[in-house]
Protein backbone atom coordinates (compact mmCIF):
# COMPACT_ATOMS: atom_id res chain seq x y z
CA MET A 1 -64.55 41.74 8.34
CA SER A 2 -60.97 42.52 6.94
CA THR A 3 -58.96 40.38 4.63
CA VAL A 4 -56.06 38.52 6.35
CA ARG A 5 -53.86 40.62 3.97
CA THR A 6 -55.13 43.85 4.72
CA ARG A 7 -54.88 42.89 8.34
CA ASN A 8 -51.07 41.52 7.79
CA GLU A 9 -49.18 41.43 5.21
CA SER A 10 -46.24 39.23 6.03
CA ALA A 11 -47.06 36.41 3.36
CA TRP A 12 -46.65 39.20 0.81
CA LEU A 13 -43.60 40.74 1.88
CA LEU A 14 -41.17 37.33 1.00
CA SER A 15 -39.00 37.34 -1.73
CA PRO A 16 -40.92 35.92 -4.69
CA ASP A 17 -39.57 32.23 -4.10
CA GLY A 18 -40.33 32.65 -0.61
CA SER A 19 -36.84 32.00 0.43
CA ALA A 20 -36.35 34.99 2.73
CA LEU A 21 -37.75 38.21 3.82
CA ALA A 22 -37.96 41.07 1.25
CA PRO A 23 -34.07 42.60 1.22
CA ARG A 24 -35.42 46.02 1.62
CA LEU A 25 -37.38 45.27 5.07
CA ARG A 26 -34.01 44.39 6.52
CA GLU A 27 -31.60 46.85 4.69
CA SER A 28 -34.08 49.84 5.05
CA MET A 29 -35.37 48.89 8.86
CA ARG A 30 -36.00 51.88 10.86
CA THR A 31 -34.05 52.22 13.74
CA PHE A 32 -33.75 54.47 17.06
CA ALA A 33 -31.37 55.49 18.95
CA ASP A 34 -31.34 54.45 22.78
CA GLU A 35 -31.94 57.87 23.95
CA ASP A 36 -34.97 58.11 21.92
CA GLU A 37 -37.98 57.85 23.88
CA VAL A 38 -39.79 55.15 21.93
CA ASP A 39 -43.64 54.39 22.39
CA LEU A 40 -42.88 50.60 23.23
CA VAL A 41 -40.02 48.35 23.72
CA VAL A 42 -40.61 44.45 23.58
CA VAL A 43 -38.52 42.13 24.98
CA GLY A 44 -38.80 39.00 23.25
CA CYS A 45 -39.96 38.41 19.38
CA GLY A 46 -41.22 35.05 19.51
CA ALA A 47 -45.14 34.07 19.61
CA GLY A 48 -46.43 36.97 22.07
CA GLY A 49 -43.90 39.40 21.49
CA ALA A 50 -43.85 39.02 17.56
CA THR A 51 -47.84 39.61 17.55
CA PHE A 52 -47.85 42.52 20.16
CA LEU A 53 -45.26 44.01 18.08
CA GLN A 54 -46.65 43.68 14.30
CA ARG A 55 -50.63 44.90 15.95
CA VAL A 56 -49.17 48.26 17.41
CA ALA A 57 -46.63 48.84 14.70
CA ARG A 58 -49.48 49.16 12.68
CA THR A 59 -51.12 52.07 14.45
CA GLY A 60 -48.04 53.87 13.73
CA MET A 61 -46.26 54.17 17.08
CA SER A 62 -42.60 53.85 17.34
CA VAL A 63 -41.64 50.61 18.45
CA VAL A 64 -38.58 48.11 19.15
CA GLY A 65 -38.41 44.85 19.30
CA MET A 66 -35.41 43.20 21.31
CA ASP A 67 -34.50 39.33 21.00
CA ALA A 68 -31.35 38.41 22.87
CA GLY A 69 -30.76 35.73 19.87
CA PRO A 70 -29.81 36.25 16.11
CA PHE A 71 -32.26 37.53 13.42
CA TRP A 72 -32.78 34.29 11.62
CA ASN A 73 -32.44 33.69 7.68
CA PRO A 74 -33.71 30.11 6.81
CA GLU A 75 -32.14 29.88 3.69
CA THR A 76 -28.45 30.45 5.09
CA ASP A 77 -28.71 29.70 8.70
CA TRP A 78 -30.60 26.31 9.11
CA VAL A 79 -30.10 23.00 7.83
CA SER A 80 -31.92 20.07 7.46
CA ASP A 81 -30.03 18.09 10.24
CA GLU A 82 -30.72 17.34 13.90
CA ALA A 83 -27.29 18.01 15.50
CA GLY A 84 -26.76 21.06 13.48
CA SER A 85 -30.11 22.85 14.66
CA HIS A 86 -28.55 22.92 18.05
CA ASP A 87 -28.41 27.00 18.30
CA LEU A 88 -32.23 27.03 17.70
CA TYR A 89 -32.39 26.31 21.29
CA TRP A 90 -31.88 28.27 24.70
CA THR A 91 -28.88 26.86 26.16
CA GLU A 92 -28.19 29.39 28.36
CA PRO A 93 -27.36 27.79 31.94
CA ARG A 94 -29.87 27.34 34.15
CA GLU A 95 -30.41 25.29 37.67
CA LEU A 96 -33.23 22.27 38.06
CA GLY A 97 -34.63 21.36 41.23
CA GLY A 98 -37.65 19.77 42.88
CA ASP A 99 -38.50 15.76 42.93
CA ASP A 100 -39.35 15.86 39.08
CA PRO A 101 -36.85 18.26 37.74
CA VAL A 102 -37.56 19.41 34.20
CA PRO A 103 -35.03 19.27 31.45
CA LEU A 104 -35.07 22.33 29.47
CA GLY A 105 -34.12 22.86 25.91
CA SER A 106 -35.54 22.08 22.23
CA ASN A 107 -38.85 20.85 23.63
CA ASN A 108 -39.81 24.32 25.64
CA SER A 109 -37.58 27.30 24.50
CA GLY A 110 -36.05 28.90 21.63
CA ARG A 111 -33.42 31.38 20.95
CA GLY A 112 -33.54 34.34 18.26
CA VAL A 113 -36.32 36.28 16.48
CA GLY A 114 -39.27 34.00 15.84
CA GLY A 115 -38.83 31.83 19.73
CA SER A 116 -39.38 28.80 19.88
CA MET A 117 -41.93 28.44 17.28
CA VAL A 118 -39.15 28.35 14.85
CA HIS A 119 -38.54 24.21 16.08
CA TYR A 120 -42.14 23.93 16.94
CA ALA A 121 -43.67 21.20 15.35
CA GLY A 122 -46.61 23.45 13.81
CA TYR A 123 -49.13 21.89 15.86
CA THR A 124 -52.02 24.91 16.56
CA PRO A 125 -55.24 23.47 18.33
CA ARG A 126 -57.22 26.12 20.63
CA PHE A 127 -57.76 25.60 24.21
CA HIS A 128 -61.32 24.47 24.99
CA PRO A 129 -64.01 26.56 26.84
CA SER A 130 -63.37 24.55 29.93
CA ASP A 131 -59.92 25.49 30.09
CA PHE A 132 -60.95 28.72 31.24
CA ARG A 133 -62.73 27.77 33.72
CA THR A 134 -61.04 24.55 35.75
CA GLN A 135 -61.88 25.55 39.22
CA SER A 136 -65.42 26.15 38.66
CA ASP A 137 -66.24 23.13 36.76
CA ASP A 138 -63.37 20.73 38.05
CA GLY A 139 -62.27 21.98 41.61
CA VAL A 140 -58.82 22.14 40.13
CA GLY A 141 -56.14 24.57 38.67
CA ALA A 142 -57.26 27.96 38.20
CA ASP A 143 -60.50 30.31 36.29
CA TRP A 144 -58.69 32.68 33.74
CA PRO A 145 -60.18 36.66 34.22
CA ILE A 146 -60.91 35.87 30.75
CA ALA A 147 -63.47 33.31 28.83
CA TYR A 148 -63.46 31.45 26.04
CA ALA A 149 -65.42 33.92 24.32
CA ASP A 150 -63.11 36.45 24.59
CA LEU A 151 -60.22 34.75 22.50
CA LYS A 152 -62.29 33.41 19.88
CA PRO A 153 -62.42 36.11 17.32
CA PHE A 154 -58.50 36.31 17.96
CA TYR A 155 -58.34 32.70 17.52
CA GLU A 156 -59.64 33.22 14.14
CA GLN A 157 -57.72 36.19 13.06
CA ILE A 158 -54.32 33.51 14.09
CA GLU A 159 -55.44 30.83 12.12
CA GLY A 160 -56.04 33.18 8.87
CA GLU A 161 -52.30 34.82 9.44
CA LEU A 162 -50.62 31.94 9.97
CA PRO A 163 -52.65 29.96 8.33
CA VAL A 164 -53.72 27.00 9.58
CA SER A 165 -54.95 23.76 7.76
CA GLY A 166 -57.10 20.90 9.16
CA GLU A 167 -60.35 19.01 9.46
CA HIS A 168 -63.60 20.60 10.99
CA TRP A 169 -62.67 20.35 14.73
CA PRO A 170 -65.49 18.73 16.88
CA TRP A 171 -64.13 19.00 20.14
CA GLY A 172 -64.03 22.11 22.52
CA ASP A 173 -65.74 24.86 20.58
CA PRO A 174 -66.23 22.68 17.25
CA HIS A 175 -64.77 25.32 14.08
CA SER A 176 -63.17 24.94 11.00
CA TYR A 177 -60.15 25.97 9.43
CA PRO A 178 -58.92 28.22 6.65
CA TYR A 179 -56.78 25.64 4.71
CA SER A 180 -57.74 22.00 4.17
CA PRO A 181 -55.77 19.17 5.76
CA HIS A 182 -52.83 17.89 4.43
CA PRO A 183 -52.52 14.19 2.98
CA VAL A 184 -51.66 11.66 5.71
CA SER A 185 -48.26 9.66 5.67
CA GLY A 186 -47.28 6.55 7.10
CA ASN A 187 -47.56 7.55 10.81
CA GLY A 188 -50.78 8.98 10.66
CA GLU A 189 -52.10 6.06 8.97
CA VAL A 190 -51.08 3.80 11.91
CA PHE A 191 -52.62 6.50 14.09
CA GLN A 192 -56.09 6.26 12.23
CA ARG A 193 -56.13 2.44 11.82
CA GLY A 194 -55.56 1.69 15.50
CA ALA A 195 -57.91 4.54 16.82
CA GLU A 196 -60.89 3.58 14.69
CA ALA A 197 -59.93 -0.59 16.16
CA ALA A 198 -59.97 0.86 19.29
CA GLY A 199 -63.29 3.13 19.09
CA ILE A 200 -61.52 6.43 19.16
CA SER A 201 -62.25 9.53 16.86
CA THR A 202 -59.21 11.20 15.15
CA ARG A 203 -58.93 14.24 12.78
CA VAL A 204 -56.09 15.80 10.44
CA GLY A 205 -54.10 18.73 11.40
CA PRO A 206 -54.44 21.37 12.87
CA VAL A 207 -50.97 22.30 11.79
CA ALA A 208 -49.70 25.72 10.97
CA ILE A 209 -48.48 24.70 7.89
CA THR A 210 -49.54 25.73 4.54
CA SER A 211 -51.46 22.71 2.38
CA GLY A 212 -50.97 25.34 -0.71
CA ARG A 213 -49.01 28.49 -1.59
CA PHE A 214 -49.90 31.25 0.43
CA GLY A 215 -49.09 34.71 -0.50
CA ASN A 216 -45.12 34.01 -1.49
CA ARG A 217 -44.85 31.37 1.55
CA PRO A 218 -44.56 28.24 -0.22
CA HIS A 219 -46.37 24.88 0.00
CA CYS A 220 -44.81 22.18 2.19
CA ILE A 221 -42.82 19.45 1.05
CA TYR A 222 -43.09 16.87 3.87
CA ARG A 223 -39.55 16.90 4.55
CA GLY A 224 -40.29 16.11 7.90
CA PHE A 225 -37.70 18.95 9.69
CA CYS A 226 -40.13 20.91 11.32
CA LEU A 227 -38.74 20.78 14.63
CA GLN A 228 -35.54 22.09 13.13
CA GLY A 229 -36.40 24.96 11.94
CA CYS A 230 -38.92 25.22 8.43
CA LYS A 231 -35.98 26.13 5.41
CA VAL A 232 -38.78 26.39 2.84
CA ASN A 233 -40.95 28.90 5.27
CA ALA A 234 -43.99 27.05 4.88
CA LYS A 235 -44.53 25.98 8.35
CA ALA A 236 -45.47 29.22 9.89
CA SER A 237 -43.60 31.02 12.94
CA PRO A 238 -43.70 34.67 14.15
CA LEU A 239 -40.26 35.07 12.00
CA ILE A 240 -42.12 34.66 8.44
CA THR A 241 -45.59 35.77 9.73
CA HIS A 242 -45.67 38.78 11.84
CA ILE A 243 -42.19 40.25 11.79
CA PRO A 244 -42.07 41.37 8.34
CA ASP A 245 -45.35 43.31 8.67
CA ALA A 246 -44.14 44.91 11.46
CA LEU A 247 -41.09 45.98 9.72
CA ALA A 248 -43.30 47.41 6.78
CA HIS A 249 -44.94 49.17 9.49
CA GLY A 250 -41.74 51.08 10.85
CA ALA A 251 -40.96 48.73 13.83
CA GLU A 252 -37.40 47.84 14.72
CA VAL A 253 -36.21 44.52 15.78
CA ARG A 254 -32.99 44.60 17.51
CA PRO A 255 -31.42 41.02 17.79
CA ASP A 256 -28.43 39.85 19.91
CA SER A 257 -29.89 42.31 22.65
CA MET A 258 -30.09 40.83 25.97
CA VAL A 259 -32.67 42.48 28.32
CA THR A 260 -31.60 42.30 31.82
CA ARG A 261 -33.63 44.86 34.01
CA VAL A 262 -36.80 46.51 33.62
CA GLU A 263 -36.05 50.29 35.11
CA ILE A 264 -38.81 51.89 37.42
CA ASP A 265 -39.11 55.81 38.07
CA GLN A 266 -39.48 55.57 42.04
CA ARG A 267 -41.38 58.67 42.22
CA THR A 268 -44.10 57.79 39.72
CA GLY A 269 -43.67 54.14 39.73
CA ARG A 270 -43.98 53.74 36.02
CA ALA A 271 -41.36 51.78 33.82
CA THR A 272 -39.23 54.29 31.93
CA GLY A 273 -37.23 51.58 30.04
CA VAL A 274 -35.00 48.71 29.62
CA HIS A 275 -31.03 48.03 30.35
CA TYR A 276 -29.73 45.67 28.06
CA VAL A 277 -26.23 43.88 26.65
CA ARG A 278 -25.19 44.28 22.96
CA GLY A 279 -21.78 43.19 21.85
CA GLY A 280 -20.89 43.55 25.47
CA VAL A 281 -21.64 46.93 26.03
CA GLN A 282 -24.38 48.02 28.42
CA ARG A 283 -27.39 50.19 26.95
CA PHE A 284 -30.30 51.25 28.22
CA GLN A 285 -33.66 51.91 25.84
CA ARG A 286 -35.95 54.61 26.92
CA ALA A 287 -39.85 53.76 26.65
CA ARG A 288 -43.10 55.11 27.59
CA THR A 289 -44.14 51.25 27.94
CA VAL A 290 -42.71 48.06 28.21
CA VAL A 291 -43.72 44.68 27.06
CA LEU A 292 -42.23 41.23 28.38
CA ALA A 293 -42.35 38.20 25.89
CA GLY A 294 -39.31 36.29 27.18
CA TYR A 295 -41.58 33.21 28.02
CA SER A 296 -41.90 31.25 31.16
CA ILE A 297 -38.41 31.03 32.42
CA GLU A 298 -36.85 34.50 31.13
CA THR A 299 -39.80 36.68 32.11
CA PRO A 300 -39.89 35.40 35.60
CA ARG A 301 -36.19 35.95 35.86
CA LEU A 302 -36.24 39.59 34.01
CA LEU A 303 -38.83 40.14 36.79
CA LEU A 304 -37.10 39.28 39.80
CA ASN A 305 -33.78 40.97 38.64
CA SER A 306 -35.51 43.98 38.48
CA THR A 307 -34.97 44.98 42.18
CA SER A 308 -35.64 48.76 43.27
CA HIS A 309 -36.50 50.52 46.49
CA ARG A 310 -39.98 50.30 45.34
CA PHE A 311 -40.13 46.59 44.21
CA PRO A 312 -37.24 45.20 46.73
CA ASP A 313 -38.38 41.56 46.05
CA GLY A 314 -38.67 41.92 42.48
CA LEU A 315 -40.73 43.80 40.10
CA GLY A 316 -44.56 43.38 40.20
CA ASN A 317 -43.82 40.85 43.30
CA ASP A 318 -45.65 42.57 46.31
CA PHE A 319 -47.34 39.54 46.94
CA ASP A 320 -44.47 36.75 45.72
CA GLN A 321 -46.99 35.68 42.75
CA VAL A 322 -43.79 36.24 40.15
CA GLY A 323 -42.45 32.85 39.17
CA ARG A 324 -45.11 30.62 40.60
CA TYR A 325 -47.46 28.34 39.06
CA LEU A 326 -44.83 27.15 36.20
CA MET A 327 -46.44 24.08 34.07
CA VAL A 328 -45.34 22.08 32.01
CA GLN A 329 -47.30 19.08 30.33
CA GLY A 330 -46.84 15.51 30.59
CA ALA A 331 -45.58 14.46 27.31
CA PRO A 332 -44.88 10.65 27.20
CA GLN A 333 -44.25 9.18 23.70
CA THR A 334 -45.38 5.28 22.80
CA ALA A 335 -43.88 3.79 19.76
CA GLY A 336 -44.87 0.42 17.84
CA ARG A 337 -42.90 -1.66 15.59
CA PHE A 338 -44.59 -2.87 12.44
CA SER A 339 -43.69 -5.42 9.91
CA ASP A 340 -44.47 -3.11 7.22
CA GLU A 341 -42.39 0.34 6.52
CA VAL A 342 -43.87 3.57 8.19
CA ARG A 343 -41.47 5.90 7.84
CA MET A 344 -42.72 8.16 10.39
CA TRP A 345 -40.59 11.52 9.75
CA LYS A 346 -42.47 12.02 6.20
CA GLY A 347 -44.77 14.74 6.90
CA PRO A 348 -45.34 17.53 9.39
CA PRO A 349 -44.83 15.38 12.66
CA PRO A 350 -48.39 16.28 14.18
CA GLU A 351 -50.25 14.79 11.63
CA VAL A 352 -53.51 13.40 13.20
CA SER A 353 -54.61 13.62 16.66
CA THR A 354 -57.62 12.96 19.01
CA GLU A 355 -58.74 15.20 21.90
CA GLN A 356 -61.38 12.38 22.99
CA PHE A 357 -59.89 12.16 26.16
CA TYR A 358 -59.35 15.84 26.80
CA GLU A 359 -62.24 16.77 29.33
CA THR A 360 -63.19 15.57 32.75
CA ASP A 361 -64.25 12.16 32.76
CA PRO A 362 -66.35 11.78 36.51
CA THR A 363 -65.89 8.16 36.13
CA LYS A 364 -62.29 8.38 36.26
CA PRO A 365 -59.68 8.83 39.31
CA TYR A 366 -58.37 12.45 37.84
CA LYS A 367 -59.00 15.58 36.85
CA ARG A 368 -59.05 16.88 33.25
CA GLY A 369 -57.25 15.39 30.62
CA PHE A 370 -54.98 14.48 27.81
CA SER A 371 -55.06 14.70 23.69
CA VAL A 372 -52.62 12.14 21.12
CA GLN A 373 -51.44 13.31 18.45
CA THR A 374 -48.67 11.75 16.12
CA VAL A 375 -44.96 12.62 16.81
CA SER A 376 -41.94 11.54 14.54
CA PRO A 377 -38.78 11.61 16.14
CA LEU A 378 -36.00 11.81 14.29
CA PRO A 379 -32.99 9.39 14.06
CA ILE A 380 -30.85 11.24 17.29
CA THR A 381 -33.92 11.39 19.37
CA TRP A 382 -35.13 7.94 18.46
CA ALA A 383 -31.78 6.75 20.00
CA GLU A 384 -32.51 8.61 22.99
CA HIS A 385 -36.01 6.51 23.24
CA VAL A 386 -34.22 3.19 22.79
CA ALA A 387 -31.67 4.14 25.35
CA ALA A 388 -34.17 4.79 27.93
CA GLN A 389 -35.17 1.46 27.51
CA GLY A 390 -31.98 0.06 28.43
CA HIS A 391 -30.77 -0.74 25.01
CA TRP A 392 -27.09 -0.26 24.19
CA GLY A 393 -24.51 -1.58 21.96
CA ALA A 394 -25.33 -4.27 19.31
CA THR A 395 -29.14 -3.84 20.12
CA LEU A 396 -29.69 -0.37 19.83
CA ARG A 397 -28.01 -0.66 16.66
CA ASP A 398 -30.38 -3.18 15.76
CA TYR A 399 -33.27 -0.62 16.88
CA MET A 400 -31.72 2.37 14.98
CA SER A 401 -31.41 0.16 11.44
CA ASP A 402 -34.92 -0.71 12.09
CA TYR A 403 -35.86 2.69 12.63
CA VAL A 404 -38.21 2.83 9.54
CA HIS A 405 -40.67 -0.01 10.71
CA TRP A 406 -41.45 2.53 13.78
CA ALA A 407 -44.38 4.52 14.02
CA CYS A 408 -44.84 7.05 17.37
CA LEU A 409 -47.59 8.60 19.29
CA GLY A 410 -47.49 11.56 21.88
CA ALA A 411 -49.82 12.68 24.33
CA LEU A 412 -50.20 16.07 26.12
CA CYS A 413 -51.49 15.62 29.83
CA GLU A 414 -52.80 18.58 31.55
CA PHE A 415 -50.48 18.93 34.73
CA LEU A 416 -52.14 21.38 37.13
CA PRO A 417 -50.77 24.44 38.50
CA ARG A 418 -48.84 24.28 42.03
CA PRO A 419 -47.43 27.32 43.83
CA GLN A 420 -44.33 25.27 44.68
CA ASN A 421 -43.58 25.02 40.88
CA ARG A 422 -41.69 28.47 40.50
CA VAL A 423 -38.62 30.18 39.22
CA THR A 424 -36.35 31.69 41.41
CA LEU A 425 -32.91 33.16 41.09
CA ALA A 426 -29.87 31.13 41.96
CA GLU A 427 -26.74 32.25 43.04
CA GLN A 428 -24.87 31.46 40.04
CA LYS A 429 -24.56 34.62 37.03
CA ASP A 430 -24.20 34.15 33.22
CA ARG A 431 -21.72 35.71 31.19
CA HIS A 432 -23.81 39.18 31.74
CA GLY A 433 -23.64 39.26 35.02
CA MET A 434 -27.04 38.22 35.65
CA PRO A 435 -28.40 35.62 38.36
CA ILE A 436 -29.77 32.55 36.32
CA ALA A 437 -32.55 31.04 36.69
CA ARG A 438 -33.71 28.17 39.00
CA PHE A 439 -36.33 26.11 38.01
CA ASP A 440 -38.09 23.83 40.88
CA TYR A 441 -40.73 21.50 39.52
CA THR A 442 -42.89 18.46 41.27
CA GLN A 443 -45.42 16.52 40.11
CA GLY A 444 -48.69 15.78 42.03
CA GLU A 445 -50.84 12.88 41.97
CA ASN A 446 -53.37 13.76 39.49
CA ASP A 447 -50.40 14.30 36.95
CA GLY A 448 -48.90 11.19 37.40
CA ALA A 449 -52.22 9.54 37.03
CA LEU A 450 -53.19 11.25 33.97
CA VAL A 451 -49.67 10.36 32.24
CA ARG A 452 -50.51 6.67 33.37
CA ALA A 453 -54.03 6.81 31.88
CA ALA A 454 -52.37 8.52 28.36
CA THR A 455 -49.82 5.97 28.42
CA ALA A 456 -52.42 3.00 27.82
CA VAL A 457 -54.45 4.53 25.55
CA MET A 458 -51.54 4.97 23.30
CA GLU A 459 -50.34 1.45 23.89
CA HIS A 460 -53.86 0.61 22.69
CA ILE A 461 -54.23 2.07 19.98
CA LEU A 462 -50.81 1.19 18.50
CA THR A 463 -51.39 -2.60 19.46
CA ALA A 464 -54.94 -2.30 17.64
CA ALA A 465 -52.92 -1.28 14.34
CA GLY A 466 -50.77 -4.32 14.95
CA ALA A 467 -47.59 -3.17 16.29
CA GLU A 468 -45.53 -5.91 17.28
CA GLU A 469 -43.61 -4.54 20.13
CA VAL A 470 -44.81 -1.07 22.01
CA ILE A 471 -42.25 1.40 24.09
CA THR A 472 -42.65 4.06 26.24
CA ILE A 473 -40.47 7.04 27.01
CA ASP A 474 -41.55 9.72 29.95
CA ARG A 475 -40.85 13.30 28.92
CA TYR A 476 -42.11 16.91 29.20
CA ALA A 477 -43.30 19.88 26.61
CA HIS A 478 -44.57 23.07 26.81
CA LEU A 479 -43.87 25.98 29.53
CA VAL A 480 -46.49 28.37 30.49
CA GLY A 481 -47.08 29.99 33.95
CA GLY A 482 -44.89 31.79 35.92
CA ALA A 483 -46.03 35.45 35.58
CA ARG A 484 -50.09 34.55 35.46
CA MET A 485 -53.28 36.42 34.63
CA ALA A 486 -55.76 36.77 37.39
CA ALA A 487 -58.38 38.64 38.87
CA THR A 488 -56.56 40.35 41.86
CA GLU A 489 -52.99 41.01 42.25
CA HIS A 490 -52.94 38.82 45.12
CA ASP A 491 -53.74 35.73 42.47
CA GLY A 492 -51.32 36.72 39.83
CA VAL A 493 -48.79 39.42 37.97
CA VAL A 494 -51.13 41.16 35.49
CA ASP A 495 -54.58 41.37 34.74
CA ALA A 496 -57.09 40.36 32.18
CA ASP A 497 -55.84 42.30 29.52
CA CYS A 498 -52.25 41.21 30.28
CA ARG A 499 -51.03 44.56 32.36
CA SER A 500 -49.36 44.33 35.43
CA PHE A 501 -51.08 44.93 38.47
CA ALA A 502 -48.27 47.09 40.11
CA VAL A 503 -46.83 49.07 36.94
CA PRO A 504 -49.10 50.29 34.75
CA ASN A 505 -47.31 50.91 31.61
CA LEU A 506 -45.74 47.18 31.81
CA LEU A 507 -47.38 44.41 30.15
CA ILE A 508 -46.62 40.56 29.89
CA VAL A 509 -47.86 38.84 26.52
CA ASP A 510 -45.81 35.49 26.37
CA GLY A 511 -47.18 32.20 27.94
CA SER A 512 -46.20 32.67 31.31
CA VAL A 513 -49.22 34.56 31.88
CA LEU A 514 -51.68 31.47 31.09
CA PRO A 515 -53.62 30.58 34.04
CA THR A 516 -54.01 26.50 33.08
CA GLN A 517 -52.03 24.57 30.71
CA GLY A 518 -54.75 22.67 28.72
CA SER A 519 -53.72 19.39 26.78
CA ALA A 520 -53.32 21.66 24.06
CA ASN A 521 -50.13 23.06 22.62
CA PRO A 522 -49.89 26.65 23.46
CA ALA A 523 -48.69 28.55 20.48
CA LEU A 524 -51.65 29.68 18.79
CA THR A 525 -52.98 30.61 22.45
CA ILE A 526 -50.15 32.85 23.36
CA MET A 527 -50.68 34.16 19.81
CA ALA A 528 -54.52 34.81 20.41
CA ASN A 529 -53.94 36.22 23.60
CA ALA A 530 -51.29 38.56 22.63
CA ALA A 531 -53.52 39.99 20.13
CA ARG A 532 -56.57 40.61 22.24
CA ALA A 533 -54.25 42.18 24.84
CA ALA A 534 -52.54 44.66 21.56
CA ALA A 535 -56.01 45.48 20.77
CA ARG A 536 -56.90 46.46 24.73
CA PHE A 537 -53.50 48.53 24.68
CA ILE A 538 -54.15 50.33 21.60
CA HIS A 539 -57.46 51.50 22.89
CA THR A 540 -56.08 52.72 25.88
CA PRO A 541 -52.40 52.79 25.84
CA ASP A 542 -51.73 54.74 28.99
CA GLY A 543 -53.57 52.06 31.00
CA THR A 544 -56.37 54.67 32.42
CA GLU A 545 -60.07 53.36 32.97
CA ARG A 546 -62.13 52.58 30.21
């Protein structure tokens, strides 16, 4: 098996102190003209797009990665401040609807090279084997056209490249991680103590945060600002884990480039490139293959906006599947107040977790399950928690003054895919003249039952640990779906290799292709699936039958 460095040298392509990309990578980056017909253009340089870009660049193909946001420099662009990190989030206008509208922003979308992994918590569990066959086993959700075994070798590859730190994992497909777990701080200790008293098994990790030096990347300093971007580059994001190697192998990363439409040859039905706006100028990049990785809102929006005589209702939307089955996870957070100081912000936000409740329990009135992990809201977010309880004025100030005494847990509940939960185009247009996305979302009965069950478990754990008071806030996290993979074009947008059913040289490799959500954070699965899709593409780039 190849070593991590022979497969991906990104960690060794940072400056010796790990603070930035080696200067030559940015200054001497290969560039292409719009008129050049590149082998591949990738739209979006987040989890899926950057992984695919890096894999294909290593073959020597000419590749361009476009991103609507900036090419970040962590050392100069990011600050250890909650309010000062607003630019990391996608805040372009969107229209919300449905019975349970989902707020969009810091918890489920990103802006710039690296995508939402720039400001994710660093938590990287795998999906379980059962996640790939929920319809067959549990009668809910959908079966994937691939199995867990198809992704397993790519899970292992990405875990080595990030790399991931954690204890041996007993749930799902039991496995170990490349790096040993991080030490547990106050919030994690509270979880461990309460879970043990409640008879619940926990483990430390898994987090894509180096517990020791890795290449030129420094170890974690436990500053607690993972959700605001890691200035020291200890936390993995594609910006530092896959983009440097892609650049070193001849890829161009073109930031501040908003792609508005995919162009199709009306005679052949193949994609010919992408229209995009850069610096206020409308441009067109020619390409032999187009890969979309804009995530679960922007990818369906782009497809729906790419109309033509052949695709009057949107690209690849012959069977009204584009934009459907968009999912979030129910993500309630429960906090407990302790007499001793906890200082929950110290250390990675997700330190300790349990997947004991992940699978369907036949004794329960709901299907599928949830996971629980430590979370560590910083002061502004903590104030939102407290205000949501109805506290204001002097009482709010008292709670904020008491911040150091609180511990907080968060659940991820597997909400099921529903066809009416979808992205469509609104009448309003953005600053580029492109219709904004409308996202309609309504929970099902099973979803609500999972949230109630998860909240009860978290309250039990914190009370068992000695909490004097507990409070819960309901929230959402992690978008997936909207262009799901399926066995046939009647049920999805792409096939098992993430290739469009309708357009053979169009691929989608972001979280929008996931048919189910699981109770796990999706970043690792998105990257592993993109790595698999890249391997399949490299084998047959023209989309011919194997």
